[in-house]
Amino acid sequence: MASAHIDTFARDRLPPLEAQPVYRFDLPELQFPAQLNCATELLDRAVADGRGDRLCIQGAGVRWTYADLQAQANRIANVLVHDMGLVPGNRVLLRAPNTPMLAACWFAVMKAGGIAVATMPLLRAKELQAIVDKAQVTHALCDLRLADELRTAAEACPVLRQVRHFHDPSANGLEAAMAAQPAQFDTVDTAADDTCILAFTSGTTGVPKATMHFHRDVMAICACWPRHVLRAHEDDVFIGSPPMAFTFGLGGLLLFPMAIGASTVLLEKASPAQLIDGIRDYGATVLFTAPTSYRTMAADGEALRAGTLRRCVSAGEALPAATRALWKEATGIELIDGIGATELLHIFISADEAHARPGATGVAVPGYRARIVDAEGRALPPNTVGRLAVQGPTGCRYLDDARQAQYVQDGWNLTGDAYRMDEDGYFHYQSRTDDMIISAGYNIAAPEVEEALLQHPAVAECGVIGVPDEERGQIVKAFVVLRPGHAGEDATARLLQDFVKQTVAPYKYPRAIAFVAGLPRTETGKLQRFRLGRDDTAPAPIPATAVSGIASRSTDRKVAP
């Protein structure tokens, strides 16, 4: 394959082939040509085939056809190349809530042969700096409303030399630069295995990992789960809560509708109430969100039952059988459950409405294989709990990261999930196999929250775990040892919670805090997180106001695989 990348940063840092998983292209639709650009396939081809006038993207005050989106993306691509000096292979950080402009920027990066590094709007400067440093990001397109944190990060990152802001009415804004560029752009003829996405995910240590995905990977996920499980059609209107910085949102709210010529609604804010309004206002038919949101939205089941909604997808966290039953009773719609991973780009185990089983995630999606293995990688018999191992057309490629050897073993992707498979091939989720906390679809690394808490002068020691929560699946709970002179009371808990929100992304803050006299550690001083919260082993709590209640819940409902 003839790589188009002049900047070979990503290709030079791919894991060696022997460290990558086995890739399977068993379906006819997974036979890709050597040269492939996903923007050509998803956008340019739609216009070339006469579908340019079809509705593509809607948002606040915006209603674009496929031709409109192509023109916007072409103008931005011209700005990237001619004004900002981008060459194929450069990394472009994207920072914005879900908006049509973010979608246009994403396609512009694809068209110009760049590598998109999408980031969540809630990330702080410290987290953005880590991403820029890891990916050696050279360019950024950022919503002006989110400029402050990126500006702070950029001051410490000299490699990030070109930043343009959109939704900026000034002469320096991206829109002004776009107006001076033509609406035509020759999409770069990238190789199918040129990296086009660096998707970041936090590991158990909190050190960010960048997963590397090719143009062929983008098209592969469009050919597997949506075609064989979702089975939407061109008249569907997609809507949902996950940010496009999460691959769950990128696929569900942009790639999958465009792969079939359908349209999508991009909401800047997507709380359950805002989703309900959006479904009504835009006539949405296909919904992507987390179990957390479905539980809340079920209260409006009567209105939803009378509306346009017909397909509902749940992912990002385990779907409780009770939530499935509640939604079915409220709306008459059977949820489509699924598990995916940033490392594999999207959903690889799922079941459609007709084959859904309460308590089961589903079966391996066509194009993928899955099995349960023991610690040595040996396949386990049915109904035995073990590690989930997956193979398919996509797989884990960490950017220059030794943790590749942990995720990929013997050609299989080990997702970090504990599952059991029944005799019929249905997979049943048990737990995470690492210290990752999954709360309302967010992946939160316990050590990162601990590090944030330890920066407060009142905190001597702390340990963080995930604890079960009926609404969110899990919440972050911190066990805190205070320094002398500080009282273990609710006011202190609120102070620490607010401090964490200002230090890292707000969704990572501990929603429950227990003040304790000490933490369980090994003889060498290593924290034993598994002992935290166990009545028989945890250190005695400080009396009186020892445990704060769960703080008021955020209305943000965002998910990721």
Protein backbone atom coordinates (compact mmCIF):
# COMPACT_ATOMS: atom_id res chain seq x y z
CA MET A 1 0.00 0.00 0.00
CA ALA A 2 1.29 3.46 -0.93
CA SER A 3 1.14 5.61 2.19
CA ALA A 4 0.24 9.23 1.59
CA HIS A 5 1.79 10.34 4.85
CA ILE A 6 4.65 12.78 4.44
CA ASP A 7 4.83 13.11 8.22
CA THR A 8 5.53 9.49 9.20
CA PHE A 9 5.18 10.01 12.97
CA ALA A 10 2.27 7.57 13.31
CA ARG A 11 3.57 4.89 10.94
CA ASP A 12 6.96 4.96 12.66
CA ARG A 13 5.29 4.31 16.02
CA LEU A 14 2.92 1.49 15.15
CA PRO A 15 3.44 -1.64 17.23
CA PRO A 16 5.47 -4.24 15.33
CA LEU A 17 3.28 -6.65 13.39
CA GLU A 18 4.06 -9.51 15.75
CA ALA A 19 2.70 -7.42 18.65
CA GLN A 20 -0.56 -6.64 16.85
CA PRO A 21 -3.62 -8.88 16.95
CA VAL A 22 -4.69 -11.20 14.18
CA TYR A 23 -6.99 -9.29 11.82
CA ARG A 24 -9.89 -11.13 10.21
CA PHE A 25 -11.61 -10.02 7.02
CA ASP A 26 -14.01 -12.94 6.71
CA LEU A 27 -16.96 -11.03 5.23
CA PRO A 28 -17.14 -10.01 1.55
CA GLU A 29 -17.79 -6.40 2.59
CA LEU A 30 -14.45 -6.36 4.46
CA GLN A 31 -12.36 -6.75 1.30
CA PHE A 32 -10.85 -3.27 0.98
CA PRO A 33 -8.67 -1.85 -1.81
CA ALA A 34 -5.08 -0.87 -1.13
CA GLN A 35 -5.84 2.84 -1.44
CA LEU A 36 -8.75 4.05 0.67
CA ASN A 37 -9.86 7.31 2.27
CA CYS A 38 -12.90 7.08 4.51
CA ALA A 39 -13.97 10.63 3.59
CA THR A 40 -14.14 9.59 -0.05
CA GLU A 41 -16.30 6.60 0.83
CA LEU A 42 -18.63 8.26 3.32
CA LEU A 43 -18.97 11.78 1.94
CA ASP A 44 -17.58 12.34 -1.56
CA ARG A 45 -19.15 9.18 -2.94
CA ALA A 46 -22.58 10.16 -1.61
CA VAL A 47 -22.42 13.42 -3.53
CA ALA A 48 -20.94 11.79 -6.64
CA ASP A 49 -23.74 9.20 -6.64
CA GLY A 50 -26.42 11.89 -6.70
CA ARG A 51 -27.30 11.99 -3.02
CA GLY A 52 -25.87 15.45 -2.40
CA ASP A 53 -29.30 16.99 -1.78
CA ARG A 54 -30.19 14.49 0.96
CA LEU A 55 -30.32 15.79 4.51
CA CYS A 56 -27.10 14.87 6.34
CA ILE A 57 -26.61 16.81 9.59
CA GLN A 58 -28.83 18.92 11.80
CA GLY A 59 -27.93 20.97 14.85
CA ALA A 60 -28.88 24.20 16.56
CA GLY A 61 -29.83 26.49 13.66
CA VAL A 62 -28.06 24.25 11.14
CA ARG A 63 -29.49 21.94 8.50
CA TRP A 64 -26.88 20.62 6.05
CA THR A 65 -27.22 18.30 3.10
CA TYR A 66 -24.42 15.95 2.09
CA ALA A 67 -23.32 18.55 -0.47
CA ASP A 68 -23.32 21.24 2.22
CA LEU A 69 -21.15 19.14 4.50
CA GLN A 70 -18.78 18.37 1.64
CA ALA A 71 -18.41 22.06 0.80
CA GLN A 72 -17.75 22.97 4.43
CA ALA A 73 -15.22 20.16 4.85
CA ASN A 74 -13.48 21.11 1.59
CA ARG A 75 -13.11 24.73 2.67
CA ILE A 76 -11.68 23.67 6.04
CA ALA A 77 -9.32 21.22 4.34
CA ASN A 78 -8.07 24.08 2.17
CA VAL A 79 -7.51 26.20 5.29
CA LEU A 80 -5.60 23.35 6.94
CA VAL A 81 -3.33 22.84 3.94
CA HIS A 82 -2.90 26.34 2.50
CA ASP A 83 -3.19 28.56 5.59
CA MET A 84 -2.03 26.27 8.38
CA GLY A 85 0.60 24.27 6.51
CA LEU A 86 -0.74 20.79 7.22
CA VAL A 87 0.87 17.89 5.40
CA PRO A 88 -0.53 14.34 5.34
CA GLY A 89 0.26 12.54 8.56
CA ASN A 90 0.14 15.64 10.79
CA ARG A 91 -2.02 15.29 13.90
CA VAL A 92 -4.95 17.69 14.33
CA LEU A 93 -6.59 18.10 17.72
CA LEU A 94 -10.34 18.68 17.55
CA ARG A 95 -12.06 20.29 20.52
CA ALA A 96 -15.78 21.02 20.56
CA PRO A 97 -19.13 19.70 21.70
CA ASN A 98 -21.12 17.71 19.16
CA THR A 99 -21.88 20.22 16.41
CA PRO A 100 -22.07 20.19 12.61
CA MET A 101 -18.85 22.22 12.54
CA LEU A 102 -17.03 19.53 14.49
CA ALA A 103 -18.21 16.97 11.94
CA ALA A 104 -17.02 19.21 9.10
CA CYS A 105 -13.62 19.59 10.79
CA TRP A 106 -13.33 15.83 11.23
CA PHE A 107 -13.99 15.19 7.55
CA ALA A 108 -11.63 18.00 6.59
CA VAL A 109 -8.81 16.29 8.48
CA MET A 110 -9.61 13.00 6.72
CA LYS A 111 -9.68 14.68 3.33
CA ALA A 112 -6.34 16.40 3.90
CA GLY A 113 -4.71 13.12 4.92
CA GLY A 114 -4.29 14.24 8.51
CA ILE A 115 -4.90 12.30 11.72
CA ALA A 116 -7.83 13.42 13.87
CA VAL A 117 -7.28 13.60 17.63
CA ALA A 118 -10.73 14.39 18.99
CA THR A 119 -10.96 15.45 22.63
CA MET A 120 -13.84 15.69 25.07
CA PRO A 121 -15.06 19.20 25.87
CA LEU A 122 -14.69 18.62 29.62
CA LEU A 123 -10.95 17.98 29.55
CA ARG A 124 -8.71 20.42 31.39
CA ALA A 125 -5.40 21.90 30.30
CA LYS A 126 -3.37 19.24 32.13
CA GLU A 127 -5.15 16.45 30.29
CA LEU A 128 -4.97 18.23 26.94
CA GLN A 129 -1.25 18.79 27.42
CA ALA A 130 -0.72 15.06 27.97
CA ILE A 131 -2.59 14.31 24.73
CA VAL A 132 -0.68 16.90 22.73
CA ASP A 133 2.63 15.63 24.07
CA LYS A 134 1.83 11.96 23.45
CA ALA A 135 0.50 12.48 19.91
CA GLN A 136 2.87 15.34 19.07
CA VAL A 137 -0.14 17.30 17.87
CA THR A 138 0.87 20.05 15.44
CA HIS A 139 -2.51 21.62 14.57
CA ALA A 140 -5.80 22.26 16.38
CA LEU A 141 -9.32 23.29 15.43
CA CYS A 142 -11.20 24.40 18.51
CA ASP A 143 -14.61 25.84 19.33
CA LEU A 144 -13.96 29.37 20.59
CA ARG A 145 -16.08 28.65 23.67
CA LEU A 146 -13.54 26.03 24.76
CA ALA A 147 -10.42 27.99 23.92
CA ASP A 148 -9.13 28.78 27.41
CA GLU A 149 -8.02 25.30 28.50
CA LEU A 150 -6.42 24.59 25.12
CA ARG A 151 -4.64 27.93 25.20
CA THR A 152 -3.16 27.06 28.59
CA ALA A 153 -2.10 23.62 27.34
CA ALA A 154 -0.58 25.06 24.16
CA GLU A 155 1.66 27.38 26.18
CA ALA A 156 3.45 24.29 27.48
CA CYS A 157 3.46 22.49 24.12
CA PRO A 158 5.63 24.21 21.51
CA VAL A 159 4.90 21.43 19.00
CA LEU A 160 1.30 22.72 18.74
CA ARG A 161 2.04 25.62 16.43
CA GLN A 162 -1.21 26.14 14.51
CA VAL A 163 -4.57 26.75 16.24
CA ARG A 164 -7.75 28.07 14.63
CA HIS A 165 -11.06 28.70 16.39
CA PHE A 166 -14.50 28.23 14.91
CA HIS A 167 -17.75 29.82 16.03
CA ASP A 168 -15.46 32.84 16.06
CA PRO A 169 -16.98 35.89 14.31
CA SER A 170 -13.67 37.77 14.16
CA ALA A 171 -11.42 38.16 11.14
CA ASN A 172 -9.10 35.59 12.69
CA GLY A 173 -11.76 32.91 13.02
CA LEU A 174 -11.93 29.70 11.02
CA GLU A 175 -15.12 30.83 9.29
CA ALA A 176 -13.39 33.92 7.90
CA ALA A 177 -10.54 31.79 6.60
CA MET A 178 -13.03 29.35 5.07
CA ALA A 179 -14.77 32.15 3.21
CA ALA A 180 -11.53 32.87 1.35
CA GLN A 181 -11.14 29.26 0.21
CA PRO A 182 -12.87 27.34 -2.60
CA ALA A 183 -15.48 24.68 -1.92
CA GLN A 184 -13.47 22.16 -3.94
CA PHE A 185 -10.67 19.99 -2.58
CA ASP A 186 -9.02 16.90 -3.98
CA THR A 187 -9.21 14.34 -1.19
CA VAL A 188 -5.79 12.82 -0.49
CA ASP A 189 -5.41 9.28 -1.83
CA THR A 190 -4.42 7.65 1.44
CA ALA A 191 -3.50 4.02 1.93
CA ALA A 192 -6.09 1.81 3.57
CA ASP A 193 -3.63 1.32 6.43
CA ASP A 194 -2.74 4.98 6.88
CA THR A 195 -3.67 6.04 10.41
CA CYS A 196 -6.54 8.53 10.40
CA ILE A 197 -7.61 8.54 14.08
CA LEU A 198 -5.75 8.64 17.38
CA ALA A 199 -8.39 7.88 19.99
CA PHE A 200 -7.27 8.33 23.56
CA THR A 201 -8.32 6.10 26.42
CA SER A 202 -7.16 6.16 30.03
CA GLY A 203 -5.54 3.06 31.44
CA THR A 204 -5.46 1.87 35.01
CA THR A 205 -2.49 4.12 35.74
CA GLY A 206 -4.22 7.20 34.36
CA VAL A 207 -1.44 7.63 31.79
CA PRO A 208 -3.21 8.24 28.47
CA LYS A 209 -2.99 5.63 25.74
CA ALA A 210 -3.55 6.52 22.11
CA THR A 211 -5.22 3.88 19.99
CA MET A 212 -4.33 4.02 16.30
CA HIS A 213 -7.01 3.39 13.69
CA PHE A 214 -6.70 3.19 9.91
CA HIS A 215 -9.01 4.38 7.15
CA ARG A 216 -9.94 0.73 6.57
CA ASP A 217 -10.91 0.41 10.27
CA VAL A 218 -13.42 3.23 9.91
CA MET A 219 -15.02 1.46 6.97
CA ALA A 220 -14.83 -1.93 8.70
CA ILE A 221 -16.93 -0.85 11.67
CA CYS A 222 -19.50 0.55 9.22
CA ALA A 223 -19.68 -2.87 7.55
CA CYS A 224 -20.11 -5.02 10.68
CA TRP A 225 -22.34 -4.07 13.61
CA PRO A 226 -24.61 -1.46 11.94
CA ARG A 227 -25.24 -3.61 8.88
CA HIS A 228 -25.85 -6.89 10.68
CA VAL A 229 -27.36 -5.79 14.01
CA LEU A 230 -28.70 -2.23 13.85
CA ARG A 231 -30.04 -2.51 10.29
CA ALA A 232 -31.09 1.13 9.99
CA HIS A 233 -32.16 2.63 6.65
CA GLU A 234 -31.58 5.84 4.73
CA ASP A 235 -34.69 7.57 6.06
CA ASP A 236 -33.63 7.14 9.69
CA VAL A 237 -32.66 10.12 11.83
CA PHE A 238 -29.93 9.34 14.37
CA ILE A 239 -29.55 11.09 17.72
CA GLY A 240 -27.69 10.43 20.95
CA SER A 241 -25.55 11.55 23.86
CA PRO A 242 -21.97 10.28 23.36
CA PRO A 243 -19.41 12.89 22.29
CA MET A 244 -17.75 12.30 18.96
CA ALA A 245 -14.45 12.24 20.86
CA PHE A 246 -15.61 8.80 22.02
CA THR A 247 -15.55 6.23 19.26
CA PHE A 248 -19.04 5.12 20.32
CA GLY A 249 -20.29 8.60 19.45
CA LEU A 250 -18.18 8.95 16.31
CA GLY A 251 -19.63 5.75 14.92
CA GLY A 252 -23.19 6.05 16.12
CA LEU A 253 -23.72 9.72 15.40
CA LEU A 254 -21.62 10.32 12.29
CA LEU A 255 -20.10 7.32 10.50
CA PHE A 256 -23.01 4.89 10.65
CA PRO A 257 -25.77 7.23 9.44
CA MET A 258 -23.57 8.54 6.64
CA ALA A 259 -22.60 5.03 5.55
CA ILE A 260 -26.24 4.41 4.57
CA GLY A 261 -27.19 7.92 3.42
CA ALA A 262 -29.23 8.70 6.54
CA SER A 263 -29.12 11.87 8.64
CA THR A 264 -27.96 12.69 12.15
CA VAL A 265 -28.77 15.20 14.86
CA LEU A 266 -25.84 16.59 16.84
CA LEU A 267 -26.79 18.01 20.22
CA GLU A 268 -24.28 20.15 22.09
CA LYS A 269 -25.83 19.01 25.36
CA ALA A 270 -27.65 15.71 25.64
CA SER A 271 -29.11 15.17 29.07
CA PRO A 272 -32.11 12.80 29.17
CA ALA A 273 -34.48 15.77 29.06
CA GLN A 274 -32.61 17.29 26.11
CA LEU A 275 -32.61 13.96 24.29
CA ILE A 276 -36.36 13.68 24.71
CA ASP A 277 -36.80 17.20 23.33
CA GLY A 278 -34.43 16.43 20.46
CA ILE A 279 -36.25 13.22 19.53
CA ARG A 280 -39.50 15.18 19.37
CA ASP A 281 -38.17 18.28 17.62
CA TYR A 282 -36.15 16.47 14.94
CA GLY A 283 -38.29 13.35 14.52
CA ALA A 284 -35.38 11.12 15.51
CA THR A 285 -35.79 7.40 14.97
CA VAL A 286 -32.49 5.85 16.20
CA LEU A 287 -31.10 6.64 19.66
CA PHE A 288 -27.63 6.01 21.10
CA THR A 289 -27.09 6.51 24.82
CA ALA A 290 -26.18 4.76 28.06
CA PRO A 291 -28.34 2.70 30.46
CA THR A 292 -28.17 5.63 32.86
CA SER A 293 -30.12 7.79 30.44
CA TYR A 294 -32.58 5.08 29.50
CA ARG A 295 -33.52 4.65 33.15
CA THR A 296 -34.26 8.36 33.45
CA MET A 297 -35.99 8.72 30.10
CA ALA A 298 -38.34 5.83 30.81
CA ALA A 299 -40.45 8.22 32.90
CA ASP A 300 -41.45 9.86 29.59
CA GLY A 301 -42.19 6.53 27.97
CA GLU A 302 -45.74 7.42 27.00
CA ALA A 303 -44.62 10.41 24.93
CA LEU A 304 -41.78 8.44 23.38
CA ARG A 305 -44.09 5.54 22.54
CA ALA A 306 -46.28 7.94 20.57
CA GLY A 307 -43.33 9.48 18.71
CA THR A 308 -40.93 8.53 15.95
CA LEU A 309 -38.35 6.51 17.92
CA ARG A 310 -37.94 2.94 16.70
CA ARG A 311 -34.35 1.76 17.45
CA CYS A 312 -32.51 2.24 20.76
CA VAL A 313 -28.87 1.31 21.33
CA SER A 314 -27.26 0.92 24.75
CA ALA A 315 -23.49 0.75 25.24
CA GLY A 316 -20.72 2.21 27.33
CA GLU A 317 -21.58 0.25 30.46
CA ALA A 318 -23.31 -3.00 31.34
CA LEU A 319 -27.05 -2.97 30.67
CA PRO A 320 -28.96 -4.28 33.72
CA ALA A 321 -31.83 -6.62 32.92
CA ALA A 322 -34.10 -4.37 34.98
CA THR A 323 -33.28 -1.38 32.79
CA ARG A 324 -34.00 -3.38 29.66
CA ALA A 325 -37.38 -4.43 31.08
CA LEU A 326 -38.18 -0.90 32.27
CA TRP A 327 -37.51 0.60 28.83
CA LYS A 328 -39.48 -2.09 27.02
CA GLU A 329 -42.45 -1.59 29.32
CA ALA A 330 -42.28 2.21 29.01
CA THR A 331 -41.74 2.54 25.26
CA GLY A 332 -42.47 -0.84 23.69
CA ILE A 333 -38.92 -0.83 22.24
CA GLU A 334 -36.41 -3.61 22.95
CA LEU A 335 -32.96 -2.21 23.61
CA ILE A 336 -30.04 -3.22 21.42
CA ASP A 337 -27.16 -3.82 23.83
CA GLY A 338 -23.51 -3.92 22.87
CA ILE A 339 -19.95 -3.83 24.12
CA GLY A 340 -17.12 -2.16 22.28
CA ALA A 341 -13.73 -0.76 23.14
CA THR A 342 -11.72 2.23 22.00
CA GLU A 343 -8.98 -0.25 21.10
CA LEU A 344 -11.30 -2.02 18.63
CA LEU A 345 -13.06 1.21 17.61
CA HIS A 346 -16.67 0.09 18.10
CA ILE A 347 -19.13 -2.66 19.08
CA PHE A 348 -18.07 -6.28 18.63
CA ILE A 349 -20.58 -8.17 20.81
CA SER A 350 -24.27 -7.38 20.53
CA ALA A 351 -27.73 -8.73 19.69
CA ASP A 352 -30.61 -7.23 17.77
CA GLU A 353 -34.08 -6.82 19.24
CA ALA A 354 -35.30 -10.22 18.10
CA HIS A 355 -32.41 -12.08 19.74
CA ALA A 356 -31.86 -10.00 22.87
CA ARG A 357 -31.71 -11.85 26.18
CA PRO A 358 -32.06 -10.16 29.57
CA GLY A 359 -28.72 -9.97 31.35
CA ALA A 360 -26.70 -10.89 28.24
CA THR A 361 -24.73 -8.43 26.12
CA GLY A 362 -25.20 -10.58 23.03
CA VAL A 363 -23.14 -12.69 20.66
CA ALA A 364 -20.07 -11.93 18.55
CA VAL A 365 -20.98 -9.47 15.78
CA PRO A 366 -20.50 -10.85 12.24
CA GLY A 367 -16.91 -10.10 11.29
CA TYR A 368 -15.68 -10.70 14.86
CA ARG A 369 -14.86 -13.73 16.98
CA ALA A 370 -14.93 -13.80 20.78
CA ARG A 371 -14.09 -16.33 23.45
CA ILE A 372 -13.43 -16.57 27.18
CA VAL A 373 -9.87 -17.44 28.22
CA ASP A 374 -7.97 -18.09 31.43
CA ALA A 375 -4.85 -16.30 32.66
CA GLU A 376 -2.71 -18.35 30.23
CA GLY A 377 -4.93 -17.57 27.25
CA ARG A 378 -6.55 -21.03 27.08
CA ALA A 379 -10.18 -21.16 26.00
CA LEU A 380 -12.58 -21.87 28.85
CA PRO A 381 -15.74 -24.00 28.69
CA PRO A 382 -19.21 -22.43 28.67
CA ASN A 383 -20.46 -20.72 31.84
CA THR A 384 -16.94 -20.24 33.19
CA VAL A 385 -15.93 -16.69 34.12
CA GLY A 386 -12.72 -15.54 32.49
CA ARG A 387 -11.14 -12.87 30.34
CA LEU A 388 -12.87 -11.69 27.18
CA ALA A 389 -10.72 -12.16 24.07
CA VAL A 390 -11.72 -10.77 20.67
CA GLN A 391 -10.51 -10.87 17.05
CA GLY A 392 -11.90 -9.13 13.99
CA PRO A 393 -11.12 -6.59 11.26
CA THR A 394 -10.13 -4.01 13.88
CA GLY A 395 -7.80 -4.36 16.86
CA CYS A 396 -5.54 -2.73 19.36
CA ARG A 397 -2.57 -0.68 18.18
CA TYR A 398 -1.26 1.56 20.93
CA LEU A 399 0.90 4.47 19.87
CA ASP A 400 4.42 3.72 21.08
CA ASP A 401 3.23 2.09 24.32
CA ALA A 402 4.60 -0.94 26.15
CA ARG A 403 1.08 -1.77 27.32
CA GLN A 404 0.44 -3.22 23.87
CA ALA A 405 1.77 -6.53 25.23
CA GLN A 406 -0.90 -6.52 27.94
CA TYR A 407 -3.82 -5.90 25.61
CA VAL A 408 -2.77 -8.17 22.76
CA GLN A 409 -1.71 -11.71 23.60
CA ASP A 410 -1.44 -14.67 21.22
CA GLY A 411 -3.12 -12.65 18.48
CA TRP A 412 -6.20 -11.84 20.60
CA ASN A 413 -7.41 -8.52 22.01
CA LEU A 414 -7.95 -8.80 25.77
CA THR A 415 -10.46 -6.09 26.59
CA GLY A 416 -10.00 -6.05 30.36
CA ASP A 417 -13.55 -7.35 30.91
CA ALA A 418 -14.52 -10.46 32.82
CA TYR A 419 -17.31 -12.36 31.05
CA ARG A 420 -18.85 -15.77 30.84
CA MET A 421 -20.26 -17.32 27.67
CA ASP A 422 -23.28 -19.62 27.83
CA GLU A 423 -23.93 -22.71 25.71
CA ASP A 424 -25.66 -20.63 23.02
CA GLY A 425 -22.73 -18.27 22.54
CA TYR A 426 -24.26 -15.37 24.49
CA PHE A 427 -21.79 -13.33 26.53
CA HIS A 428 -22.69 -12.22 30.07
CA TYR A 429 -20.75 -9.34 31.63
CA GLN A 430 -19.29 -9.88 35.11
CA SER A 431 -16.91 -7.01 35.90
CA ARG A 432 -13.79 -5.15 34.82
CA THR A 433 -10.53 -6.97 35.34
CA ASP A 434 -8.52 -3.86 36.18
CA ASP A 435 -8.88 -0.72 38.26
CA MET A 436 -10.93 1.13 35.68
CA ILE A 437 -14.16 2.63 36.98
CA ILE A 438 -16.99 2.84 34.45
CA SER A 439 -19.52 5.45 35.57
CA ALA A 440 -22.41 6.43 33.30
CA GLY A 441 -20.28 5.28 30.38
CA TYR A 442 -17.16 7.24 31.32
CA ASN A 443 -13.90 5.37 31.80
CA ILE A 444 -12.23 6.76 34.92
CA ALA A 445 -8.81 5.62 36.13
CA ALA A 446 -8.68 5.40 39.92
CA PRO A 447 -5.02 6.53 40.19
CA GLU A 448 -5.75 9.71 38.26
CA VAL A 449 -8.44 10.73 40.76
CA GLU A 450 -6.11 9.85 43.61
CA GLU A 451 -3.42 12.07 42.13
CA ALA A 452 -5.86 14.97 41.89
CA LEU A 453 -6.98 14.56 45.51
CA LEU A 454 -3.40 14.37 46.75
CA GLN A 455 -2.74 17.83 45.34
CA HIS A 456 -5.07 19.32 47.98
CA PRO A 457 -3.23 20.38 51.15
CA ALA A 458 -5.83 18.73 53.39
CA VAL A 459 -5.22 15.26 51.98
CA ALA A 460 -2.53 13.03 53.44
CA GLU A 461 -3.43 9.78 51.68
CA CYS A 462 -6.26 8.52 49.58
CA GLY A 463 -7.52 5.50 47.69
CA VAL A 464 -10.20 5.47 45.00
CA ILE A 465 -12.47 2.66 43.83
CA GLY A 466 -15.71 2.23 41.94
CA VAL A 467 -18.75 1.20 43.94
CA PRO A 468 -22.10 -0.01 42.60
CA ASP A 469 -24.72 2.62 41.90
CA GLU A 470 -28.24 1.98 40.70
CA GLU A 471 -28.32 4.95 38.33
CA ARG A 472 -24.75 5.11 36.98
CA GLY A 473 -23.62 1.50 37.22
CA GLN A 474 -20.68 2.67 39.32
CA ILE A 475 -19.66 5.87 41.03
CA VAL A 476 -16.21 7.03 42.10
CA LYS A 477 -15.69 6.69 45.85
CA ALA A 478 -12.64 8.07 47.61
CA PHE A 479 -11.25 6.94 50.97
CA VAL A 480 -9.35 9.92 52.33
CA VAL A 481 -6.89 10.26 55.20
CA LEU A 482 -6.81 13.92 56.25
CA ARG A 483 -3.84 15.88 57.52
CA PRO A 484 -3.97 17.13 61.11
CA GLY A 485 -6.15 20.18 61.59
CA HIS A 486 -8.77 19.17 59.02
CA ALA A 487 -12.16 17.80 60.03
CA GLY A 488 -13.78 14.82 58.34
CA GLU A 489 -17.11 16.49 57.68
CA ASP A 490 -19.46 17.13 54.78
CA ALA A 491 -18.02 20.61 54.14
CA THR A 492 -14.57 19.09 53.68
CA ALA A 493 -15.97 16.47 51.32
CA ARG A 494 -17.62 19.13 49.19
CA LEU A 495 -14.39 21.14 49.19
CA LEU A 496 -12.43 18.14 47.90
CA GLN A 497 -15.07 17.32 45.30
CA ASP A 498 -14.95 20.86 43.93
CA PHE A 499 -11.15 20.77 43.93
CA VAL A 500 -11.06 17.59 41.84
CA LYS A 501 -13.55 19.09 39.37
CA GLN A 502 -11.15 21.99 38.82
CA THR A 503 -8.10 19.74 38.48
CA VAL A 504 -9.30 17.06 36.06
CA ALA A 505 -12.41 16.58 33.94
CA PRO A 506 -15.42 17.16 36.24
CA TYR A 507 -17.02 13.78 35.54
CA LYS A 508 -14.08 12.12 37.33
CA TYR A 509 -14.76 13.65 40.74
CA PRO A 510 -15.59 11.33 43.68
CA ARG A 511 -19.32 11.35 44.22
CA ALA A 512 -18.83 9.73 47.61
CA ILE A 513 -16.04 10.35 50.11
CA ALA A 514 -15.24 8.39 53.25
CA PHE A 515 -12.78 9.86 55.73
CA VAL A 516 -10.70 7.08 57.28
CA ALA A 517 -7.79 6.82 59.72
CA GLY A 518 -5.58 4.82 57.35
CA LEU A 519 -5.46 2.82 54.13
CA PRO A 520 -4.82 -0.91 53.64
CA ARG A 521 -1.36 -1.45 52.18
CA THR A 522 1.02 -4.32 51.54
CA GLU A 523 4.24 -4.71 53.50
CA THR A 524 6.02 -2.83 50.74
CA GLY A 525 3.55 0.05 51.00
CA LYS A 526 1.42 -0.68 47.91
CA LEU A 527 -2.21 0.36 48.20
CA GLN A 528 -4.63 -2.59 48.27
CA ARG A 529 -7.64 -1.11 46.49
CA PHE A 530 -9.51 -4.39 46.64
CA ARG A 531 -9.74 -4.03 50.41
CA LEU A 532 -11.22 -0.54 50.35
CA GLY A 533 -14.83 -0.52 51.44
CA ARG A 534 -14.80 -4.03 52.91
CA ASP A 535 -16.20 -3.84 56.40
CA ASP A 536 -13.95 -6.62 57.66
CA THR A 537 -10.67 -5.28 56.34
CA ALA A 538 -10.98 -1.53 55.76
CA PRO A 539 -9.46 0.79 58.35
CA ALA A 540 -11.84 2.18 60.94
CA PRO A 541 -13.57 5.32 59.69
CA ILE A 542 -13.31 8.63 61.47
CA PRO A 543 -16.42 8.94 63.62
CA ALA A 544 -19.19 11.52 63.43
CA THR A 545 -19.58 12.86 59.88
CA ALA A 546 -17.46 10.13 58.40
CA VAL A 547 -19.08 9.63 55.03
CA SER A 548 -20.49 12.27 52.75
CA GLY A 549 -23.62 11.56 50.79
CA ILE A 550 -23.62 11.31 47.03
CA ALA A 551 -23.35 14.77 45.59
CA SER A 552 -25.91 16.20 43.22
CA ARG A 553 -25.76 14.32 39.95
CA SER A 554 -24.56 15.88 36.75
CA THR A 555 -27.05 16.07 33.91
CA ASP A 556 -24.39 15.14 31.36
CA ARG A 557 -24.93 11.62 30.02
CA LYS A 558 -22.06 10.59 27.84
CA VAL A 559 -20.90 7.14 26.89
CA ALA A 560 -17.99 5.36 25.29
CA PRO A 561 -17.14 1.72 24.43
